[in-house]
C-alpha cells in the first residue's frame, strides 16, 4: 500500500537472526529492550524490485495494493479489524 518511490529502512532476516543469537548467547540481559537494526541504506520498493529483477534474471515490478485488498489480506491472516486499520493508517 505504500508508494514505491519513498525510501525506507530495510533489514535482512539473517541480520535479525545474528543479533538475536548474540543476545541469547550473552544471557546477561533482563527485561525488554528495543534494538535499532537498519540495513546499510534506505531503499524504495522500486529499488527492491529492480534488485530482485537482477537476482531473478527477469522483470519484477512493485505494484501497491489497494487499501481494501490490504485490509482483507491482513484480516485473512488473522489480524483484527482494528489492528488491520492501524497498519493501514501507517501507510496513508
Protein backbone atom coordinates (compact mmCIF):
# COMPACT_ATOMS: atom_id res chain seq x y z
CA UNK A 1 0.00 0.00 0.00
CA UNK A 2 2.99 2.34 0.28
CA UNK A 3 4.19 4.46 -2.64
CA UNK A 4 7.03 2.78 -4.50
CA UNK A 5 9.31 5.80 -4.64
CA UNK A 6 9.70 6.63 -0.93
CA UNK A 7 12.84 5.18 0.70
CA UNK A 8 12.52 3.36 3.97
CA UNK A 9 14.68 1.23 6.27
CA UNK A 10 15.00 -2.44 5.40
CA UNK A 11 16.66 -5.29 7.27
CA UNK A 12 17.59 -8.83 6.26
CA UNK A 13 16.22 -11.75 8.27
CA UNK A 14 19.78 -13.08 8.56
CA UNK A 15 20.79 -9.88 10.35
CA UNK A 16 17.86 -10.24 12.75
CA UNK A 17 18.86 -13.85 13.46
CA UNK A 18 22.53 -12.90 14.02
CA UNK A 19 21.67 -10.15 16.52
CA UNK A 20 19.10 -12.33 18.29
CA UNK A 21 21.60 -15.18 18.62
CA UNK A 22 24.21 -12.82 20.04
CA UNK A 23 21.79 -11.55 22.69
CA UNK A 24 20.61 -15.07 23.54
CA UNK A 25 24.19 -16.31 23.94
CA UNK A 26 25.07 -13.47 26.34
CA UNK A 27 22.40 -14.42 28.89
CA UNK A 28 23.21 -11.28 30.92
CA UNK A 29 20.23 -9.21 29.83
CA UNK A 30 16.87 -8.82 31.53
CA UNK A 31 13.60 -7.11 30.75
CA UNK A 32 12.79 -5.66 27.38
CA UNK A 33 14.81 -3.52 25.04
CA UNK A 34 14.32 -2.25 21.52
CA UNK A 35 17.28 -2.55 19.20
CA UNK A 36 17.55 -0.50 16.01
CA UNK A 37 18.63 -2.78 13.21
CA UNK A 38 18.51 -0.87 9.93
CA UNK A 39 20.16 -2.13 6.79
CA UNK A 40 23.09 -0.36 5.17
CA UNK A 41 20.84 2.13 3.38
CA UNK A 42 17.17 3.01 2.96
CA UNK A 43 15.55 1.53 -0.16
CA UNK A 44 12.39 2.26 -2.10
CA UNK A 45 10.10 -0.57 -3.15
CA UNK A 46 11.00 0.27 -6.74
CA UNK A 47 14.72 -0.20 -5.94
CA UNK A 48 13.98 -3.52 -4.26
CA UNK A 49 12.04 -4.64 -7.34
CA UNK A 50 14.99 -3.65 -9.54
CA UNK A 51 17.39 -5.62 -7.32
CA UNK A 52 15.09 -8.65 -7.48
CA UNK A 53 14.90 -8.31 -11.27
CA UNK A 54 18.68 -8.63 -11.44
CA UNK A 55 18.76 -11.53 -8.96
CA UNK A 56 15.98 -13.47 -10.74
CA UNK A 57 17.03 -12.57 -14.26
CA UNK A 58 13.52 -11.45 -15.15
CA UNK A 59 11.47 -8.30 -14.59
CA UNK A 60 9.92 -7.72 -11.17
CA UNK A 61 7.68 -4.70 -10.63
CA UNK A 62 6.32 -3.18 -7.44
CA UNK A 63 2.57 -2.63 -7.56
CA UNK A 64 0.98 -1.10 -4.47
CA UNK A 65 -2.09 -2.92 -3.25
CA UNK A 66 -5.37 -1.04 -2.83
CA UNK A 67 -6.05 -0.40 0.85
CA UNK A 68 -9.21 -2.54 0.81
CA UNK A 69 -7.25 -5.51 -0.55
CA UNK A 70 -4.53 -4.93 2.04
CA UNK A 71 -7.14 -4.84 4.85
CA UNK A 72 -8.73 -8.08 3.59
CA UNK A 73 -5.34 -9.81 3.40
CA UNK A 74 -4.41 -8.70 6.91
CA UNK A 75 -7.69 -9.92 8.34
CA UNK A 76 -7.47 -13.21 6.42
CA UNK A 77 -4.05 -13.67 8.05
CA UNK A 78 -5.62 -13.28 11.50
CA UNK A 79 -5.37 -9.55 12.25
CA UNK A 80 -8.36 -7.97 13.99
CA UNK A 81 -10.20 -5.20 12.17
CA UNK A 82 -8.68 -2.58 14.49
CA UNK A 83 -5.14 -3.95 14.08
CA UNK A 84 -5.55 -4.03 10.30
CA UNK A 85 -6.80 -0.44 10.35
CA UNK A 86 -3.83 0.60 12.47
CA UNK A 87 -1.43 -0.81 9.87
CA UNK A 88 -3.35 0.88 7.08
CA UNK A 89 -3.22 4.19 8.93
CA UNK A 90 0.59 3.97 8.97
CA UNK A 91 0.64 3.90 5.15
CA UNK A 92 -1.93 6.58 4.42
